[in-house]
Amino acid sequence: MNKILTAILLVLSMQTAWAIDLNDAKAQGLVGEARTGYLAAVQKPASAEVKALISNVNAKRKAQFEKAAAKTGTTIPQVSNRFYELAVQKTRPGHYIQDASGRWKTK
């Protein structure tokens, strides 16, 4: 019984180690800040893990954009554009941002 518990804990810890977080994905150049205010894959095709991260982050961003737009009486595109501007300012050197023409570049 003890061996089974140890094996389960080992598998769970390995799954956590495999999961990529936003900071790691940005540092590895896998994702960047798109002009839309959302996160996007820099390298294509993106892995399933990166796609899942992007989907999760963007769902949270969309919800926040909707709340901010409703609160301020603006549109979601206005909020997401402003978010992008702020995200670019906060982006670390070496991480990717999308320029006005849609090309990826490092900050």
PDB file of N, CA and C in Angstrom:
ATOM      1  N   MET A   1       0.823  -1.184   0.000  1.00  0.00           N
ATOM      2  CA  MET A   1       0.000   0.000   0.000  1.00  0.00           C
ATOM      3  C   MET A   1       0.872   1.253   0.000  1.00  0.00           C
ATOM      4  N   ASN A   2       1.941   1.220   0.763  1.00  0.00           N
ATOM      5  CA  ASN A   2       2.853   2.359   0.850  1.00  0.00           C
ATOM      6  C   ASN A   2       3.510   2.642  -0.503  1.00  0.00           C
ATOM      7  N   LYS A   3       3.830   1.583  -1.256  1.00  0.00           N
ATOM      8  CA  LYS A   3       4.449   1.742  -2.569  1.00  0.00           C
ATOM      9  C   LYS A   3       3.485   2.390  -3.555  1.00  0.00           C
ATOM     10  N   ILE A   4       2.212   2.039  -3.455  1.00  0.00           N
ATOM     11  CA  ILE A   4       1.204   2.615  -4.352  1.00  0.00           C
ATOM     12  C   ILE A   4       1.065   4.112  -4.076  1.00  0.00           C
ATOM     13  N   LEU A   5       0.993   4.464  -2.817  1.00  0.00           N
ATOM     14  CA  LEU A   5       0.887   5.873  -2.448  1.00  0.00           C
ATOM     15  C   LEU A   5       2.113   6.647  -2.926  1.00  0.00           C
ATOM     16  N   THR A   6       3.280   6.079  -2.767  1.00  0.00           N
ATOM     17  CA  THR A   6       4.511   6.718  -3.234  1.00  0.00           C
ATOM     18  C   THR A   6       4.481   6.897  -4.741  1.00  0.00           C
ATOM     19  N   ALA A   7       4.020   5.889  -5.468  1.00  0.00           N
ATOM     20  CA  ALA A   7       3.940   5.981  -6.931  1.00  0.00           C
ATOM     21  C   ALA A   7       2.961   7.062  -7.364  1.00  0.00           C
ATOM     22  N   ILE A   8       1.813   7.141  -6.699  1.00  0.00           N
ATOM     23  CA  ILE A   8       0.817   8.163  -7.034  1.00  0.00           C
ATOM     24  C   ILE A   8       1.376   9.555  -6.768  1.00  0.00           C
ATOM     25  N   LEU A   9       2.009   9.745  -5.655  1.00  0.00           N
ATOM     26  CA  LEU A   9       2.601  11.038  -5.332  1.00  0.00           C
ATOM     27  C   LEU A   9       3.693  11.420  -6.334  1.00  0.00           C
ATOM     28  N   LEU A  10       4.465  10.439  -6.763  1.00  0.00           N
ATOM     29  CA  LEU A  10       5.502  10.694  -7.757  1.00  0.00           C
ATOM     30  C   LEU A  10       4.895  11.150  -9.079  1.00  0.00           C
ATOM     31  N   VAL A  11       3.847  10.469  -9.512  1.00  0.00           N
ATOM     32  CA  VAL A  11       3.170  10.843 -10.766  1.00  0.00           C
ATOM     33  C   VAL A  11       2.582  12.242 -10.658  1.00  0.00           C
ATOM     34  N   LEU A  12       1.936  12.540  -9.542  1.00  0.00           N
ATOM     35  CA  LEU A  12       1.354  13.871  -9.363  1.00  0.00           C
ATOM     36  C   LEU A  12       2.414  14.957  -9.354  1.00  0.00           C
ATOM     37  N   SER A  13       3.526  14.704  -8.716  1.00  0.00           N
ATOM     38  CA  SER A  13       4.593  15.709  -8.688  1.00  0.00           C
ATOM     39  C   SER A  13       5.201  15.900 -10.066  1.00  0.00           C
ATOM     40  N   MET A  14       5.262  14.839 -10.854  1.00  0.00           N
ATOM     41  CA  MET A  14       5.797  14.956 -12.206  1.00  0.00           C
ATOM     42  C   MET A  14       4.844  15.743 -13.092  1.00  0.00           C
ATOM     43  N   GLN A  15       3.544  15.561 -12.921  1.00  0.00           N
ATOM     44  CA  GLN A  15       2.571  16.315 -13.703  1.00  0.00           C
ATOM     45  C   GLN A  15       2.692  17.797 -13.399  1.00  0.00           C
ATOM     46  N   THR A  16       2.864  18.146 -12.157  1.00  0.00           N
ATOM     47  CA  THR A  16       3.041  19.539 -11.785  1.00  0.00           C
ATOM     48  C   THR A  16       4.316  20.093 -12.406  1.00  0.00           C
ATOM     49  N   ALA A  17       5.354  19.303 -12.436  1.00  0.00           N
ATOM     50  CA  ALA A  17       6.613  19.765 -13.014  1.00  0.00           C
ATOM     51  C   ALA A  17       6.493  19.976 -14.518  1.00  0.00           C
ATOM     52  N   TRP A  18       5.623  19.216 -15.175  1.00  0.00           N
ATOM     53  CA  TRP A  18       5.452  19.349 -16.617  1.00  0.00           C
ATOM     54  C   TRP A  18       4.613  20.559 -16.986  1.00  0.00           C
ATOM     55  N   ALA A  19       3.726  20.979 -16.094  1.00  0.00           N
ATOM     56  CA  ALA A  19       2.848  22.106 -16.384  1.00  0.00           C
ATOM     57  C   ALA A  19       3.675  23.375 -16.526  1.00  0.00           C
ATOM     58  N   ILE A  20       3.409  24.106 -17.598  1.00  0.00           N
ATOM     59  CA  ILE A  20       4.150  25.338 -17.833  1.00  0.00           C
ATOM     60  C   ILE A  20       3.314  26.513 -17.334  1.00  0.00           C
ATOM     61  N   ASP A  21       3.966  27.463 -16.715  1.00  0.00           N
ATOM     62  CA  ASP A  21       3.229  28.641 -16.287  1.00  0.00           C
ATOM     63  C   ASP A  21       3.531  29.804 -17.226  1.00  0.00           C
ATOM     64  N   LEU A  22       2.820  30.884 -17.049  1.00  0.00           N
ATOM     65  CA  LEU A  22       2.915  32.029 -17.946  1.00  0.00           C
ATOM     66  C   LEU A  22       4.326  32.599 -17.993  1.00  0.00           C
ATOM     67  N   ASN A  23       4.947  32.757 -16.847  1.00  0.00           N
ATOM     68  CA  ASN A  23       6.299  33.327 -16.820  1.00  0.00           C
ATOM     69  C   ASN A  23       7.301  32.449 -17.554  1.00  0.00           C
ATOM     70  N   ASP A  24       7.205  31.145 -17.338  1.00  0.00           N
ATOM     71  CA  ASP A  24       8.105  30.220 -18.037  1.00  0.00           C
ATOM     72  C   ASP A  24       7.870  30.250 -19.541  1.00  0.00           C
ATOM     73  N   ALA A  25       6.600  30.268 -19.934  1.00  0.00           N
ATOM     74  CA  ALA A  25       6.269  30.286 -21.367  1.00  0.00           C
ATOM     75  C   ALA A  25       6.789  31.556 -22.032  1.00  0.00           C
ATOM     76  N   LYS A  26       6.682  32.681 -21.330  1.00  0.00           N
ATOM     77  CA  LYS A  26       7.210  33.937 -21.885  1.00  0.00           C
ATOM     78  C   LYS A  26       8.731  33.903 -21.944  1.00  0.00           C
ATOM     79  N   ALA A  27       9.359  33.411 -20.895  1.00  0.00           N
ATOM     80  CA  ALA A  27      10.818  33.357 -20.847  1.00  0.00           C
ATOM     81  C   ALA A  27      11.385  32.430 -21.923  1.00  0.00           C
ATOM     82  N   GLN A  28      10.639  31.394 -22.277  1.00  0.00           N
ATOM     83  CA  GLN A  28      11.081  30.455 -23.304  1.00  0.00           C
ATOM     84  C   GLN A  28      10.723  30.922 -24.716  1.00  0.00           C
ATOM     85  N   GLY A  29      10.040  32.060 -24.815  1.00  0.00           N
ATOM     86  CA  GLY A  29       9.665  32.587 -26.127  1.00  0.00           C
ATOM     87  C   GLY A  29       8.531  31.829 -26.783  1.00  0.00           C
ATOM     88  N   LEU A  30       7.740  31.140 -26.001  1.00  0.00           N
ATOM     89  CA  LEU A  30       6.632  30.360 -26.542  1.00  0.00           C
ATOM     90  C   LEU A  30       5.382  31.205 -26.750  1.00  0.00           C
ATOM     91  N   VAL A  31       5.178  32.198 -25.885  1.00  0.00           N
ATOM     92  CA  VAL A  31       4.012  33.069 -25.960  1.00  0.00           C
ATOM     93  C   VAL A  31       4.441  34.523 -25.829  1.00  0.00           C
ATOM     94  N   GLY A  32       3.566  35.398 -26.269  1.00  0.00           N
ATOM     95  CA  GLY A  32       3.845  36.818 -26.155  1.00  0.00           C
ATOM     96  C   GLY A  32       2.558  37.610 -26.075  1.00  0.00           C
ATOM     97  N   GLU A  33       2.717  38.901 -25.871  1.00  0.00           N
ATOM     98  CA  GLU A  33       1.582  39.806 -25.787  1.00  0.00           C
ATOM     99  C   GLU A  33       1.183  40.232 -27.193  1.00  0.00           C
ATOM    100  N   ALA A  34      -0.003  39.804 -27.629  1.00  0.00           N
ATOM    101  CA  ALA A  34      -0.505  40.142 -28.956  1.00  0.00           C
ATOM    102  C   ALA A  34      -1.132  41.533 -28.929  1.00  0.00           C
ATOM    103  N   ARG A  35      -1.223  42.162 -30.086  1.00  0.00           N
ATOM    104  CA  ARG A  35      -1.782  43.513 -30.210  1.00  0.00           C
ATOM    105  C   ARG A  35      -3.218  43.590 -29.732  1.00  0.00           C
ATOM    106  N   THR A  36      -3.884  42.468 -29.667  1.00  0.00           N
ATOM    107  CA  THR A  36      -5.285  42.410 -29.271  1.00  0.00           C
ATOM    108  C   THR A  36      -5.495  42.539 -27.769  1.00  0.00           C
ATOM    109  N   GLY A  37      -4.413  42.464 -27.001  1.00  0.00           N
ATOM    110  CA  GLY A  37      -4.528  42.470 -25.554  1.00  0.00           C
ATOM    111  C   GLY A  37      -4.571  41.069 -24.977  1.00  0.00           C
ATOM    112  N   TYR A  38      -4.568  40.100 -25.864  1.00  0.00           N
ATOM    113  CA  TYR A  38      -4.589  38.703 -25.436  1.00  0.00           C
ATOM    114  C   TYR A  38      -3.214  38.079 -25.614  1.00  0.00           C
ATOM    115  N   LEU A  39      -3.044  36.932 -25.009  1.00  0.00           N
ATOM    116  CA  LEU A  39      -1.823  36.154 -25.128  1.00  0.00           C
ATOM    117  C   LEU A  39      -1.901  35.333 -26.410  1.00  0.00           C
ATOM    118  N   ALA A  40      -0.777  35.154 -27.083  1.00  0.00           N
ATOM    119  CA  ALA A  40      -0.772  34.362 -28.317  1.00  0.00           C
ATOM    120  C   ALA A  40       0.521  33.562 -28.405  1.00  0.00           C
ATOM    121  N   ALA A  41       0.461  32.513 -29.206  1.00  0.00           N
ATOM    122  CA  ALA A  41       1.636  31.665 -29.434  1.00  0.00           C
ATOM    123  C   ALA A  41       2.596  32.389 -30.371  1.00  0.00           C
ATOM    124  N   VAL A  42       3.854  32.421 -29.999  1.00  0.00           N
ATOM    125  CA  VAL A  42       4.890  33.004 -30.846  1.00  0.00           C
ATOM    126  C   VAL A  42       5.391  31.945 -31.809  1.00  0.00           C
ATOM    127  N   GLN A  43       5.608  30.756 -31.289  1.00  0.00           N
ATOM    128  CA  GLN A  43       6.111  29.644 -32.096  1.00  0.00           C
ATOM    129  C   GLN A  43       4.938  28.746 -32.480  1.00  0.00           C
ATOM    130  N   LYS A  44       4.843  28.462 -33.755  1.00  0.00           N
ATOM    131  CA  LYS A  44       3.763  27.596 -34.233  1.00  0.00           C
ATOM    132  C   LYS A  44       4.348  26.399 -34.937  1.00  0.00           C
ATOM    133  N   PRO A  45       3.771  25.245 -34.790  1.00  0.00           N
ATOM    134  CA  PRO A  45       2.561  25.017 -34.015  1.00  0.00           C
ATOM    135  C   PRO A  45       2.867  24.976 -32.519  1.00  0.00           C
ATOM    136  N   ALA A  46       1.939  25.468 -31.741  1.00  0.00           N
ATOM    137  CA  ALA A  46       2.098  25.461 -30.289  1.00  0.00           C
ATOM    138  C   ALA A  46       1.721  24.086 -29.755  1.00  0.00           C
ATOM    139  N   SER A  47       2.379  23.685 -28.693  1.00  0.00           N
ATOM    140  CA  SER A  47       2.059  22.405 -28.057  1.00  0.00           C
ATOM    141  C   SER A  47       0.685  22.496 -27.403  1.00  0.00           C
ATOM    142  N   ALA A  48       0.134  21.362 -27.090  1.00  0.00           N
ATOM    143  CA  ALA A  48      -1.160  21.316 -26.402  1.00  0.00           C
ATOM    144  C   ALA A  48      -1.083  22.030 -25.059  1.00  0.00           C
ATOM    145  N   GLU A  49       0.045  21.884 -24.399  1.00  0.00           N
ATOM    146  CA  GLU A  49       0.243  22.527 -23.103  1.00  0.00           C
ATOM    147  C   GLU A  49       0.230  24.045 -23.239  1.00  0.00           C
ATOM    148  N   VAL A  50       0.893  24.571 -24.264  1.00  0.00           N
ATOM    149  CA  VAL A  50       0.925  26.021 -24.500  1.00  0.00           C
ATOM    150  C   VAL A  50      -0.458  26.510 -24.920  1.00  0.00           C
ATOM    151  N   LYS A  51      -1.140  25.744 -25.756  1.00  0.00           N
ATOM    152  CA  LYS A  51      -2.500  26.123 -26.170  1.00  0.00           C
ATOM    153  C   LYS A  51      -3.431  26.199 -24.964  1.00  0.00           C
ATOM    154  N   ALA A  52      -3.295  25.256 -24.050  1.00  0.00           N
ATOM    155  CA  ALA A  52      -4.128  25.253 -22.845  1.00  0.00           C
ATOM    156  C   ALA A  52      -3.824  26.472 -21.974  1.00  0.00           C
ATOM    157  N   LEU A  53      -2.558  26.803 -21.843  1.00  0.00           N
ATOM    158  CA  LEU A  53      -2.168  27.991 -21.073  1.00  0.00           C
ATOM    159  C   LEU A  53      -2.768  29.236 -21.697  1.00  0.00           C
ATOM    160  N   ILE A  54      -2.631  29.384 -23.005  1.00  0.00           N
ATOM    161  CA  ILE A  54      -3.164  30.553 -23.711  1.00  0.00           C
ATOM    162  C   ILE A  54      -4.676  30.645 -23.513  1.00  0.00           C
ATOM    163  N   SER A  55      -5.360  29.536 -23.665  1.00  0.00           N
ATOM    164  CA  SER A  55      -6.812  29.515 -23.507  1.00  0.00           C
ATOM    165  C   SER A  55      -7.228  29.942 -22.102  1.00  0.00           C
ATOM    166  N   ASN A  56      -6.533  29.431 -21.107  1.00  0.00           N
ATOM    167  CA  ASN A  56      -6.833  29.749 -19.714  1.00  0.00           C
ATOM    168  C   ASN A  56      -6.594  31.237 -19.428  1.00  0.00           C
ATOM    169  N   VAL A  57      -5.440  31.741 -19.827  1.00  0.00           N
ATOM    170  CA  VAL A  57      -5.105  33.152 -19.583  1.00  0.00           C
ATOM    171  C   VAL A  57      -6.080  34.061 -20.322  1.00  0.00           C
ATOM    172  N   ASN A  58      -6.375  33.732 -21.576  1.00  0.00           N
ATOM    173  CA  ASN A  58      -7.246  34.601 -22.368  1.00  0.00           C
ATOM    174  C   ASN A  58      -8.690  34.602 -21.872  1.00  0.00           C
ATOM    175  N   ALA A  59      -9.152  33.487 -21.346  1.00  0.00           N
ATOM    176  CA  ALA A  59     -10.498  33.457 -20.766  1.00  0.00           C
ATOM    177  C   ALA A  59     -10.576  34.400 -19.567  1.00  0.00           C
ATOM    178  N   LYS A  60      -9.547  34.394 -18.747  1.00  0.00           N
ATOM    179  CA  LYS A  60      -9.510  35.295 -17.584  1.00  0.00           C
ATOM    180  C   LYS A  60      -9.405  36.750 -18.032  1.00  0.00           C
ATOM    181  N   ARG A  61      -8.583  37.000 -19.053  1.00  0.00           N
ATOM    182  CA  ARG A  61      -8.461  38.364 -19.553  1.00  0.00           C
ATOM    183  C   ARG A  61      -9.787  38.859 -20.128  1.00  0.00           C
ATOM    184  N   LYS A  62     -10.441  38.015 -20.902  1.00  0.00           N
ATOM    185  CA  LYS A  62     -11.715  38.413 -21.508  1.00  0.00           C
ATOM    186  C   LYS A  62     -12.718  38.803 -20.432  1.00  0.00           C
ATOM    187  N   ALA A  63     -12.795  38.008 -19.378  1.00  0.00           N
ATOM    188  CA  ALA A  63     -13.719  38.310 -18.284  1.00  0.00           C
ATOM    189  C   ALA A  63     -13.383  39.663 -17.653  1.00  0.00           C
ATOM    190  N   GLN A  64     -12.098  39.920 -17.461  1.00  0.00           N
ATOM    191  CA  GLN A  64     -11.676  41.197 -16.884  1.00  0.00           C
ATOM    192  C   GLN A  64     -11.950  42.362 -17.841  1.00  0.00           C
ATOM    193  N   PHE A  65     -11.724  42.141 -19.123  1.00  0.00           N
ATOM    194  CA  PHE A  65     -12.001  43.188 -20.113  1.00  0.00           C
ATOM    195  C   PHE A  65     -13.491  43.526 -20.117  1.00  0.00           C
ATOM    196  N   GLU A  66     -14.340  42.508 -20.043  1.00  0.00           N
ATOM    197  CA  GLU A  66     -15.787  42.728 -20.023  1.00  0.00           C
ATOM    198  C   GLU A  66     -16.206  43.520 -18.790  1.00  0.00           C
ATOM    199  N   LYS A  67     -15.665  43.161 -17.627  1.00  0.00           N
ATOM    200  CA  LYS A  67     -15.988  43.874 -16.390  1.00  0.00           C
ATOM    201  C   LYS A  67     -15.531  45.331 -16.470  1.00  0.00           C
ATOM    202  N   ALA A  68     -14.299  45.535 -16.949  1.00  0.00           N
ATOM    203  CA  ALA A  68     -13.770  46.898 -17.035  1.00  0.00           C
ATOM    204  C   ALA A  68     -14.566  47.739 -18.022  1.00  0.00           C
ATOM    205  N   ALA A  69     -14.956  47.161 -19.144  1.00  0.00           N
ATOM    206  CA  ALA A  69     -15.732  47.896 -20.145  1.00  0.00           C
ATOM    207  C   ALA A  69     -17.093  48.294 -19.573  1.00  0.00           C
ATOM    208  N   ALA A  70     -17.736  47.385 -18.884  1.00  0.00           N
ATOM    209  CA  ALA A  70     -19.037  47.683 -18.289  1.00  0.00           C
ATOM    210  C   ALA A  70     -18.915  48.759 -17.212  1.00  0.00           C
ATOM    211  N   LYS A  71     -17.869  48.666 -16.426  1.00  0.00           N
ATOM    212  CA  LYS A  71     -17.664  49.614 -15.325  1.00  0.00           C
ATOM    213  C   LYS A  71     -17.343  51.017 -15.824  1.00  0.00           C
ATOM    214  N   THR A  72     -16.587  51.108 -16.916  1.00  0.00           N
ATOM    215  CA  THR A  72     -16.136  52.410 -17.403  1.00  0.00           C
ATOM    216  C   THR A  72     -16.973  52.958 -18.549  1.00  0.00           C
ATOM    217  N   GLY A  73     -17.934  52.163 -19.024  1.00  0.00           N
ATOM    218  CA  GLY A  73     -18.760  52.612 -20.131  1.00  0.00           C
ATOM    219  C   GLY A  73     -18.015  52.677 -21.450  1.00  0.00           C
ATOM    220  N   THR A  74     -17.019  51.822 -21.604  1.00  0.00           N
ATOM    221  CA  THR A  74     -16.248  51.766 -22.840  1.00  0.00           C
ATOM    222  C   THR A  74     -16.490  50.416 -23.510  1.00  0.00           C
ATOM    223  N   THR A  75     -15.785  50.175 -24.582  1.00  0.00           N
ATOM    224  CA  THR A  75     -15.945  48.906 -25.286  1.00  0.00           C
ATOM    225  C   THR A  75     -14.829  47.937 -24.889  1.00  0.00           C
ATOM    226  N   ILE A  76     -15.083  46.666 -25.141  1.00  0.00           N
ATOM    227  CA  ILE A  76     -14.056  45.649 -24.868  1.00  0.00           C
ATOM    228  C   ILE A  76     -12.804  45.910 -25.703  1.00  0.00           C
ATOM    229  N   PRO A  77     -12.920  46.246 -27.001  1.00  0.00           N
ATOM    230  CA  PRO A  77     -11.703  46.561 -27.760  1.00  0.00           C
ATOM    231  C   PRO A  77     -10.909  47.744 -27.181  1.00  0.00           C
ATOM    232  N   GLN A  78     -11.605  48.748 -26.670  1.00  0.00           N
ATOM    233  CA  GLN A  78     -10.889  49.867 -26.051  1.00  0.00           C
ATOM    234  C   GLN A  78     -10.117  49.403 -24.818  1.00  0.00           C
ATOM    235  N   VAL A  79     -10.759  48.584 -24.015  1.00  0.00           N
ATOM    236  CA  VAL A  79     -10.103  48.073 -22.802  1.00  0.00           C
ATOM    237  C   VAL A  79      -8.933  47.178 -23.175  1.00  0.00           C
ATOM    238  N   SER A  80      -9.134  46.271 -24.137  1.00  0.00           N
ATOM    239  CA  SER A  80      -8.060  45.351 -24.495  1.00  0.00           C
ATOM    240  C   SER A  80      -6.885  46.087 -25.137  1.00  0.00           C
ATOM    241  N   ASN A  81      -7.165  47.131 -25.901  1.00  0.00           N
ATOM    242  CA  ASN A  81      -6.078  47.933 -26.477  1.00  0.00           C
ATOM    243  C   ASN A  81      -5.270  48.632 -25.394  1.00  0.00           C
ATOM    244  N   ARG A  82      -5.963  49.167 -24.399  1.00  0.00           N
ATOM    245  CA  ARG A  82      -5.259  49.829 -23.294  1.00  0.00           C
ATOM    246  C   ARG A  82      -4.457  48.802 -22.493  1.00  0.00           C
ATOM    247  N   PHE A  83      -5.032  47.615 -22.306  1.00  0.00           N
ATOM    248  CA  PHE A  83      -4.309  46.561 -21.604  1.00  0.00           C
ATOM    249  C   PHE A  83      -3.025  46.224 -22.347  1.00  0.00           C
ATOM    250  N   TYR A  84      -3.119  46.123 -23.668  1.00  0.00           N
ATOM    251  CA  TYR A  84      -1.929  45.819 -24.475  1.00  0.00           C
ATOM    252  C   TYR A  84      -0.853  46.878 -24.251  1.00  0.00           C
ATOM    253  N   GLU A  85      -1.239  48.138 -24.275  1.00  0.00           N
ATOM    254  CA  GLU A  85      -0.261  49.217 -24.052  1.00  0.00           C
ATOM    255  C   GLU A  85       0.437  49.058 -22.708  1.00  0.00           C
ATOM    256  N   LEU A  86      -0.332  48.760 -21.684  1.00  0.00           N
ATOM    257  CA  LEU A  86       0.247  48.563 -20.350  1.00  0.00           C
ATOM    258  C   LEU A  86       1.091  47.296 -20.292  1.00  0.00           C
ATOM    259  N   ALA A  87       0.636  46.242 -20.956  1.00  0.00           N
ATOM    260  CA  ALA A  87       1.387  44.979 -20.971  1.00  0.00           C
ATOM    261  C   ALA A  87       2.737  45.169 -21.644  1.00  0.00           C
ATOM    262  N   VAL A  88       2.779  45.957 -22.707  1.00  0.00           N
ATOM    263  CA  VAL A  88       4.052  46.226 -23.398  1.00  0.00           C
ATOM    264  C   VAL A  88       5.012  46.938 -22.461  1.00  0.00           C
ATOM    265  N   GLN A  89       4.499  47.896 -21.713  1.00  0.00           N
ATOM    266  CA  GLN A  89       5.348  48.617 -20.759  1.00  0.00           C
ATOM    267  C   GLN A  89       5.919  47.686 -19.701  1.00  0.00           C
ATOM    268  N   LYS A  90       5.126  46.699 -19.290  1.00  0.00           N
ATOM    269  CA  LYS A  90       5.545  45.784 -18.225  1.00  0.00           C
ATOM    270  C   LYS A  90       6.317  44.564 -18.734  1.00  0.00           C
ATOM    271  N   THR A  91       6.342  44.371 -20.034  1.00  0.00           N
ATOM    272  CA  THR A  91       7.022  43.206 -20.590  1.00  0.00           C
ATOM    273  C   THR A  91       8.516  43.284 -20.313  1.00  0.00           C
ATOM    274  N   ARG A  92       9.067  42.184 -19.878  1.00  0.00           N
ATOM    275  CA  ARG A  92      10.499  42.128 -19.567  1.00  0.00           C
ATOM    276  C   ARG A  92      11.330  42.100 -20.843  1.00  0.00           C
ATOM    277  N   PRO A  93      12.539  42.628 -20.768  1.00  0.00           N
ATOM    278  CA  PRO A  93      13.432  42.526 -21.937  1.00  0.00           C
ATOM    279  C   PRO A  93      13.633  41.063 -22.317  1.00  0.00           C
ATOM    280  N   GLY A  94      13.601  40.808 -23.624  1.00  0.00           N
ATOM    281  CA  GLY A  94      13.774  39.457 -24.126  1.00  0.00           C
ATOM    282  C   GLY A  94      12.477  38.712 -24.344  1.00  0.00           C
ATOM    283  N   HIS A  95      11.368  39.230 -23.790  1.00  0.00           N
ATOM    284  CA  HIS A  95      10.066  38.607 -24.002  1.00  0.00           C
ATOM    285  C   HIS A  95       9.442  39.192 -25.258  1.00  0.00           C
ATOM    286  N   TYR A  96       8.473  38.468 -25.820  1.00  0.00           N
ATOM    287  CA  TYR A  96       7.894  38.853 -27.100  1.00  0.00           C
ATOM    288  C   TYR A  96       6.650  39.727 -26.965  1.00  0.00           C
ATOM    289  N   ILE A  97       6.584  40.701 -27.886  1.00  0.00           N
ATOM    290  CA  ILE A  97       5.395  41.524 -28.070  1.00  0.00           C
ATOM    291  C   ILE A  97       5.127  41.592 -29.569  1.00  0.00           C
ATOM    292  N   GLN A  98       3.883  41.822 -29.908  1.00  0.00           N
ATOM    293  CA  GLN A  98       3.514  41.922 -31.312  1.00  0.00           C
ATOM    294  C   GLN A  98       3.492  43.405 -31.700  1.00  0.00           C
ATOM    295  N   ASP A  99       4.155  43.744 -32.811  1.00  0.00           N
ATOM    296  CA  ASP A  99       4.173  45.143 -33.229  1.00  0.00           C
ATOM    297  C   ASP A  99       2.903  45.482 -34.014  1.00  0.00           C
ATOM    298  N   ALA A 100       2.789  46.725 -34.441  1.00  0.00           N
ATOM    299  CA  ALA A 100       1.584  47.206 -35.123  1.00  0.00           C
ATOM    300  C   ALA A 100       1.277  46.430 -36.400  1.00  0.00           C
ATOM    301  N   SER A 101       2.292  45.867 -37.028  1.00  0.00           N
ATOM    302  CA  SER A 101       2.069  45.112 -38.267  1.00  0.00           C
ATOM    303  C   SER A 101       1.785  43.628 -38.005  1.00  0.00           C
ATOM    304  N   GLY A 102       1.788  43.230 -36.731  1.00  0.00           N
ATOM    305  CA  GLY A 102       1.487  41.841 -36.387  1.00  0.00           C
ATOM    306  C   GLY A 102       2.700  40.943 -36.284  1.00  0.00           C
ATOM    307  N   ARG A 103       3.891  41.510 -36.450  1.00  0.00           N
ATOM    308  CA  ARG A 103       5.123  40.708 -36.326  1.00  0.00           C
ATOM    309  C   ARG A 103       5.558  40.633 -34.871  1.00  0.00           C
ATOM    310  N   TRP A 104       6.152  39.495 -34.537  1.00  0.00           N
ATOM    311  CA  TRP A 104       6.671  39.310 -33.193  1.00  0.00           C
ATOM    312  C   TRP A 104       8.065  39.896 -33.106  1.00  0.00           C
ATOM    313  N   LYS A 105       8.325  40.590 -32.003  1.00  0.00           N
ATOM    314  CA  LYS A 105       9.670  41.110 -31.744  1.00  0.00           C
ATOM    315  C   LYS A 105       9.921  41.022 -30.241  1.00  0.00           C
ATOM    316  N   THR A 106      11.192  40.978 -29.900  1.00  0.00           N
ATOM    317  CA  THR A 106      11.542  40.951 -28.480  1.00  0.00           C
ATOM    318  C   THR A 106      11.710  42.377 -28.004  1.00  0.00           C
ATOM    319  N   LYS A 107      11.372  42.569 -26.780  1.00  0.00           N
ATOM    320  CA  LYS A 107      11.484  43.900 -26.175  1.00  0.00           C
ATOM    321  C   LYS A 107      12.908  44.126 -25.759  1.00  0.00           C
TER     322      LYS A 107
END
